[in-house]
Protein backbone atom coordinates (compact mmCIF):
# COMPACT_ATOMS: atom_id res chain seq x y z
CA MET A 1 107.20 127.79 90.38
CA THR A 2 105.91 130.99 88.86
CA THR A 3 105.23 133.91 91.15
CA GLU A 4 102.15 136.05 90.62
CA ALA A 5 101.02 139.15 92.48
CA THR A 6 97.77 138.06 94.08
CA THR A 7 95.47 138.71 96.99
CA PRO A 8 93.79 136.01 99.08
CA ASP A 9 90.18 135.04 98.63
CA SER A 10 88.10 136.78 101.28
CA PRO A 11 84.57 138.03 101.93
CA SER A 12 85.48 141.10 99.90
CA ALA A 13 86.22 139.06 96.78
CA SER A 14 84.48 139.54 93.46
CA SER A 15 80.97 138.32 92.62
CA ASN A 16 80.34 134.57 92.77
CA ASN A 17 79.97 132.20 89.87
CA VAL A 18 81.50 134.37 87.18
CA GLU A 19 84.25 132.04 86.11
CA VAL A 20 87.56 133.73 85.45
CA PRO A 21 89.88 131.83 83.10
CA THR A 22 93.01 131.42 85.19
CA GLN A 23 94.37 128.31 83.48
CA ARG A 24 97.63 128.77 81.62
CA SER A 25 97.65 128.58 77.85
CA GLU A 26 99.23 125.55 76.21
CA ASP A 27 102.40 127.38 75.25
CA GLU A 28 102.86 128.98 78.68
CA LYS A 29 105.44 127.59 81.09
CA PHE A 30 104.25 125.17 83.75
CA GLY A 31 104.39 126.25 87.37
CA PHE A 32 102.34 126.57 90.54
CA GLN A 33 100.95 129.97 91.53
CA GLU A 34 103.19 131.03 94.39
CA VAL A 35 101.91 133.59 96.91
CA ASP A 36 103.34 135.35 99.95
CA TYR A 37 100.26 135.41 102.19
CA PRO A 38 98.80 132.76 104.56
CA GLU A 39 95.96 130.43 103.66
CA PRO A 40 92.64 132.31 103.73
CA HIS A 41 90.61 130.21 106.15
CA GLN A 42 92.01 131.26 109.52
CA GLY A 43 91.39 134.93 108.79
CA ARG A 44 87.92 134.30 107.35
CA THR A 45 87.01 132.18 110.39
CA LYS A 46 87.75 135.10 112.72
CA GLU A 47 85.76 137.51 110.55
CA LEU A 48 82.76 135.21 110.30
CA LEU A 49 82.70 134.46 114.02
CA GLN A 50 82.71 138.18 114.77
CA GLU A 51 79.80 138.68 112.41
CA HIS A 52 77.99 135.41 113.18
CA PRO A 53 78.90 134.19 116.70
CA GLU A 54 75.94 131.78 116.51
CA ILE A 55 78.08 129.51 114.34
CA LYS A 56 79.82 128.41 117.55
CA GLU A 57 76.59 126.65 118.53
CA TYR A 58 77.41 124.05 115.87
CA PHE A 59 80.86 123.19 117.26
CA GLU A 60 80.00 119.66 118.37
CA THR A 61 80.23 115.97 117.52
CA ASN A 62 77.67 113.71 115.84
CA PRO A 63 77.71 110.14 117.24
CA TRP A 64 74.96 109.16 114.78
CA THR A 65 77.68 109.13 112.13
CA ALA A 66 78.86 105.84 113.65
CA GLY A 67 75.44 104.33 112.91
CA ILE A 68 75.60 105.61 109.35
CA CYS A 69 79.03 104.02 109.10
CA LEU A 70 77.67 100.61 110.10
CA GLY A 71 74.84 100.94 107.58
CA VAL A 72 77.07 101.98 104.67
CA VAL A 73 79.77 99.41 105.37
CA GLY A 74 77.14 96.71 105.95
CA ALA A 75 75.52 97.53 102.61
CA GLN A 76 78.85 97.49 100.80
CA VAL A 77 79.96 94.18 102.33
CA GLY A 78 76.52 92.70 101.67
CA LEU A 79 76.77 93.69 98.02
CA ALA A 80 80.29 92.27 97.85
CA VAL A 81 79.03 88.90 99.05
CA TYR A 82 76.03 89.01 96.72
CA MET A 83 78.26 89.83 93.74
CA THR A 84 79.92 86.42 94.08
CA THR A 85 76.81 84.93 92.48
CA GLN A 86 76.63 87.42 89.61
CA PRO A 87 78.25 87.58 86.15
CA TRP A 88 81.16 89.92 85.60
CA TRP A 89 79.12 92.58 83.81
CA VAL A 90 76.70 92.87 86.74
CA ILE A 91 79.63 93.25 89.12
CA LEU A 92 81.00 96.01 86.90
CA LEU A 93 77.72 97.91 86.67
CA VAL A 94 76.88 97.65 90.38
CA ALA A 95 80.39 98.73 91.32
CA TYR A 96 80.14 101.81 89.09
CA PHE A 97 76.58 102.93 89.77
CA VAL A 98 76.18 101.87 93.41
CA GLY A 99 79.40 100.75 95.04
CA ALA A 100 81.42 103.82 94.06
CA PHE A 101 78.91 106.04 95.89
CA LEU A 102 79.03 103.85 98.99
CA ASN A 103 82.81 103.96 98.86
CA ASN A 104 82.74 107.75 98.62
CA ALA A 105 80.53 107.87 101.71
CA THR A 106 83.06 105.77 103.66
CA TYR A 107 85.75 108.30 102.76
CA SER A 108 83.54 111.06 104.17
CA ILE A 109 83.15 109.11 107.42
CA ILE A 110 86.93 108.62 107.66
CA HIS A 111 87.28 112.36 107.16
CA GLU A 112 84.85 113.05 110.02
CA ALA A 113 86.76 110.63 112.25
CA ALA A 114 90.05 112.36 111.41
CA HIS A 115 88.66 115.62 112.81
CA LYS A 116 87.10 113.86 115.84
CA ARG A 117 83.63 115.02 114.81
CA ILE A 118 81.97 111.67 115.65
CA PHE A 119 83.03 111.22 119.27
CA ARG A 120 85.10 113.48 121.50
CA GLY A 121 87.86 111.01 122.29
CA ARG A 122 90.34 109.74 119.74
CA LEU A 123 89.90 106.00 120.39
CA TRP A 124 86.30 105.68 119.20
CA ASN A 125 86.89 108.02 116.27
CA GLU A 126 89.78 105.81 115.20
CA ILE A 127 87.66 102.67 115.53
CA VAL A 128 84.87 104.16 113.41
CA GLY A 129 87.50 105.20 110.88
CA TRP A 130 88.87 101.65 110.76
CA VAL A 131 85.40 100.22 110.15
CA ALA A 132 84.70 102.77 107.42
CA ASN A 133 88.07 101.81 105.93
CA PHE A 134 87.12 98.13 105.50
CA PRO A 135 85.60 98.39 101.99
CA GLN A 136 88.50 100.54 100.75
CA LEU A 137 90.91 97.59 101.00
CA LEU A 138 94.04 99.65 101.80
CA PRO A 139 94.55 100.55 105.49
CA THR A 140 94.66 104.35 105.16
CA SER A 141 92.33 105.76 107.81
CA SER A 142 94.83 106.48 110.60
CA SER A 143 97.67 107.60 108.33
CA PHE A 144 95.21 109.86 106.51
CA ARG A 145 94.43 111.64 109.77
CA ASN A 146 98.11 112.26 110.52
CA HIS A 147 98.69 113.98 107.18
CA HIS A 148 95.28 115.58 106.70
CA LEU A 149 95.53 117.75 109.80
CA LYS A 150 98.79 119.13 108.38
CA HIS A 151 96.90 120.01 105.20
CA HIS A 152 94.63 122.25 107.25
CA LEU A 153 97.50 123.89 109.14
CA TYR A 154 99.82 124.40 106.17
CA GLN A 155 97.57 124.45 103.13
CA GLY A 156 99.58 124.80 99.94
CA ASP A 157 103.05 124.24 101.42
CA PRO A 158 104.90 121.54 99.43
CA GLU A 159 106.86 120.54 102.54
CA TYR A 160 103.77 119.77 104.64
CA ASP A 161 100.66 119.43 102.46
CA ALA A 162 100.09 115.88 101.17
CA ASP A 163 97.10 117.13 99.19
CA LEU A 164 99.44 119.04 96.89
CA ALA A 165 101.02 117.31 93.90
CA SER A 166 104.81 117.30 93.77
CA PRO A 167 106.45 119.16 90.87
CA GLU A 168 107.60 115.82 89.43
CA GLU A 169 104.06 114.44 89.63
CA ALA A 170 102.55 117.52 88.00
CA GLU A 171 105.20 117.54 85.28
CA TRP A 172 104.64 113.86 84.47
CA VAL A 173 100.86 114.19 84.20
CA GLY A 174 101.15 117.40 82.19
CA ARG A 175 98.26 118.11 79.83
CA SER A 176 97.68 114.49 78.78
CA THR A 177 94.11 113.19 79.14
CA PHE A 178 95.41 109.64 79.38
CA LYS A 179 97.84 110.50 82.17
CA LYS A 180 95.14 112.43 84.02
CA ILE A 181 93.02 109.27 84.01
CA ILE A 182 95.98 107.24 85.28
CA TRP A 183 96.59 109.87 87.97
CA GLN A 184 92.99 109.78 89.19
CA THR A 185 92.71 106.00 89.08
CA PHE A 186 95.91 105.44 91.05
CA TYR A 187 95.67 108.57 93.18
CA PRO A 188 96.43 106.74 96.47
CA VAL A 189 99.73 105.55 95.00
CA PHE A 190 100.70 109.08 94.01
CA GLN A 191 99.70 110.41 97.42
CA VAL A 192 101.83 107.81 99.22
CA ALA A 193 104.76 108.84 97.02
CA ARG A 194 104.19 112.47 98.05
CA THR A 195 104.33 111.70 101.74
CA ALA A 196 107.81 110.24 101.33
CA LYS A 197 109.03 113.73 100.34
CA LEU A 198 107.27 115.71 103.08
CA ASP A 199 108.85 117.04 106.25
CA GLU A 200 107.57 114.50 108.75
CA THR A 201 109.74 115.35 111.74
CA ASP A 202 106.64 115.81 113.92
CA ILE A 203 104.51 113.08 112.33
CA GLU A 204 104.69 109.49 113.52
CA ILE A 205 104.49 107.49 110.31
CA ILE A 206 103.99 104.24 112.20
CA ASP A 207 102.14 104.69 115.49
CA LYS A 208 99.75 102.50 117.47
CA TRP A 209 96.77 103.81 115.51
CA VAL A 210 98.31 102.99 112.14
CA ILE A 211 99.21 99.51 113.40
CA GLY A 212 95.67 99.00 114.71
CA ASN A 213 94.29 100.15 111.35
CA LEU A 214 96.54 97.64 109.56
CA ILE A 215 95.61 94.73 111.84
CA SER A 216 91.88 95.39 111.61
CA GLN A 217 92.10 95.64 107.82
CA VAL A 218 94.01 92.37 107.51
CA VAL A 219 91.47 90.61 109.73
CA PHE A 220 88.55 92.00 107.71
CA LEU A 221 90.04 91.11 104.32
CA GLY A 222 91.05 87.64 105.51
CA THR A 223 87.58 86.97 106.87
CA LEU A 224 85.82 88.24 103.75
CA THR A 225 88.11 86.27 101.45
CA TYR A 226 87.63 83.08 103.48
CA PHE A 227 83.84 83.26 103.52
CA ALA A 228 83.09 85.01 100.22
CA GLY A 229 86.09 84.46 97.99
CA GLY A 230 88.02 86.58 95.52
CA TRP A 231 85.02 87.91 93.60
CA ALA A 232 83.93 89.87 96.66
CA ILE A 233 87.39 91.43 96.88
CA LEU A 234 87.29 92.19 93.16
CA TYR A 235 83.99 94.03 93.60
CA LEU A 236 85.42 96.17 96.40
CA ALA A 237 88.53 96.87 94.33
CA LEU A 238 86.38 98.06 91.42
CA CYS A 239 84.39 100.31 93.77
CA PHE A 240 87.61 101.81 95.06
CA VAL A 241 88.98 102.44 91.56
CA PHE A 242 85.72 103.93 90.30
CA SER A 243 85.38 106.26 93.29
CA MET A 244 88.81 107.69 92.48
CA GLY A 245 88.93 107.65 88.69
CA LEU A 246 86.81 107.16 85.54
CA HIS A 247 83.83 108.47 87.49
CA PRO A 248 82.37 111.94 88.18
CA LEU A 249 82.96 111.31 91.90
CA SER A 250 86.68 111.57 91.24
CA ALA A 251 86.14 115.30 90.58
CA ARG A 252 86.39 115.72 94.35
CA LEU A 253 90.17 115.61 93.86
CA ILE A 254 89.83 118.66 91.59
CA GLN A 255 86.88 120.44 93.20
CA GLU A 256 88.48 121.15 96.55
CA HIS A 257 91.52 123.27 95.69
CA PHE A 258 92.16 123.51 91.94
CA ILE A 259 92.04 127.14 90.77
CA VAL A 260 89.10 127.97 88.52
CA LYS A 261 88.61 131.55 89.74
CA GLU A 262 91.43 134.02 90.13
CA ASP A 263 93.11 133.97 93.56
CA GLN A 264 90.57 131.57 95.11
CA GLU A 265 92.12 128.35 96.36
CA THR A 266 89.28 126.46 98.05
CA TYR A 267 85.88 125.62 96.54
CA SER A 268 82.62 124.05 97.59
CA TYR A 269 80.24 122.03 95.44
CA TYR A 270 76.53 122.54 96.04
CA GLY A 271 74.50 119.80 94.46
CA PRO A 272 72.61 116.55 95.11
CA LEU A 273 75.72 114.42 95.62
CA ASN A 274 76.22 116.06 99.01
CA LYS A 275 73.25 114.06 100.29
CA LEU A 276 75.08 110.83 99.42
CA SER A 277 78.44 112.00 100.75
CA LEU A 278 77.79 113.53 104.18
CA ASN A 279 78.22 117.06 102.81
CA VAL A 280 81.92 116.47 102.22
CA TYR A 281 81.79 118.85 99.26
CA HIS A 282 81.03 121.85 101.50
CA HIS A 283 84.76 122.37 101.47
CA ASN A 284 85.06 126.08 102.16
CA GLU A 285 82.70 125.75 105.11
CA HIS A 286 84.71 122.79 106.40
CA HIS A 287 88.09 124.53 106.12
CA ASP A 288 86.70 127.62 107.82
CA PHE A 289 85.04 125.60 110.60
CA PRO A 290 86.57 122.10 110.97
CA ALA A 291 84.94 121.86 114.42
CA VAL A 292 81.52 121.70 112.75
CA PRO A 293 80.35 118.15 111.88
CA TRP A 294 79.04 117.28 108.43
CA ASN A 295 75.33 117.61 109.28
CA HIS A 296 75.69 121.30 110.25
CA LEU A 297 77.82 122.49 107.31
CA PRO A 298 74.74 123.52 105.24
CA LYS A 299 73.63 125.62 108.22
CA VAL A 300 76.98 127.42 108.20
CA ARG A 301 76.49 128.06 104.48
CA GLU A 302 73.01 129.43 105.17
CA ILE A 303 74.14 131.68 108.00
CA ALA A 304 76.98 133.18 105.95
CA SER A 305 75.36 132.89 102.53
CA ASP A 306 76.66 136.32 101.53
CA VAL A 307 80.16 134.85 101.70
CA TYR A 308 79.70 131.27 100.51
CA GLU A 309 77.09 131.89 97.81
CA GLU A 310 77.90 135.43 96.67
CA ASP A 311 81.54 136.28 97.32
CA LEU A 312 83.09 132.86 96.70
CA TYR A 313 82.88 130.85 93.51
CA TYR A 314 81.35 127.37 93.92
CA HIS A 315 80.79 124.37 91.68
CA THR A 316 77.34 123.13 90.68
CA SER A 317 78.31 120.07 88.60
CA LEU A 318 80.99 117.51 89.39
CA THR A 319 80.51 115.87 86.01
CA SER A 320 81.30 119.02 84.03
CA LEU A 321 84.28 119.76 86.28
CA TRP A 322 85.58 116.21 85.83
CA LEU A 323 85.30 116.39 82.04
CA LYS A 324 86.91 119.83 82.00
CA PHE A 325 89.88 118.52 83.94
CA LEU A 326 90.29 115.50 81.68
CA PHE A 327 89.95 117.19 78.31
CA ASP A 328 90.98 120.82 78.83
CA PRO A 329 94.78 120.89 78.32
CA SER A 330 95.03 124.20 80.17
CA MET A 331 93.82 122.59 83.41
CA THR A 332 96.67 120.67 85.03
CA LEU A 333 97.97 119.67 88.46
CA TYR A 334 99.77 123.01 88.48
CA ASN A 335 96.45 124.81 88.95
CA ARG A 336 97.15 125.20 92.65
CA ILE A 337 98.23 128.03 94.95
CA VAL A 338 101.37 127.33 96.97
CA ARG A 339 103.13 129.15 99.80
CA ASP A 340 106.23 128.67 101.92
CA TYR A 341 105.60 128.21 105.63
CA TYR A 342 108.55 125.83 105.91
CA ASN A 343 111.28 128.41 105.43
CA GLY A 344 109.38 131.19 107.20
CA THR A 345 108.54 133.13 104.03
CA VAL A 346 104.90 133.09 105.12
CA ASP A 347 103.85 133.30 108.78
CA ARG A 348 100.79 131.56 110.16
């Protein structure tokens, strides 16, 4: 790791949308940007609530998300069945231009369930997460929740944060466009490998929710295979791959926390794809106020527009960000801020 003297992003940061080139040059040594201060969201949350206490009015759940879940999953499964009657090139095109977007929406629903923003109790949030997980093939909903909440608590700590690439992972990908494509396409595999190296002393890797997620997924896949056959599974697999790699949607992996402006470690994207993704790209707003469901995040942005639209840098194009990541050799997996909560170097 390389240590740099920095200050956290805050409402007093520099003017928005003037991109500062923070990527390292090609001949500069690899390394994460290590800092000695806590993640910025907890402090900004307190400041914003003091200035805008009305934000608390949006701390609630949105049960209608369960209905959206049924609609999205129903559409995806319906397309999967219909694709069994289509030639391969139609399957490919539909998976890329339609199915990938539906798949991305199911991820957003799983994310809402992880934060219990659909129902108040855990059981029904888990069930909605399992249903949203069906088209994604791999049973990841419940295990995602276990690790994702740690990401919020210990953002940027290699011992706790599964969203952060390991040094070995970042070194292997390096500056190679080809390896970046491999990394995006098989991102779930890399993320599973990361979790094996995390401190999981207080995380149950296999609990009743993970087992329930696995059983429900096996039942769904068995039923779909029996009635629709392998072409339906192939369609869903293509949707999953496209939503993670070889598609502008995969820029979500970069958009959330990759440094593009000096000392800022979390970014939102404001653009039309939010309407298809349950506002999952309002990432600064979400990290500041995880108790706010997806439908109210634009209201938080509006209330504190001086912070989210003026002080903080935000993305306006996922496509340009995706292409920049793939083809700009100075943008690598090392473009992340890290800190050490684990050894007490940084206090929460």
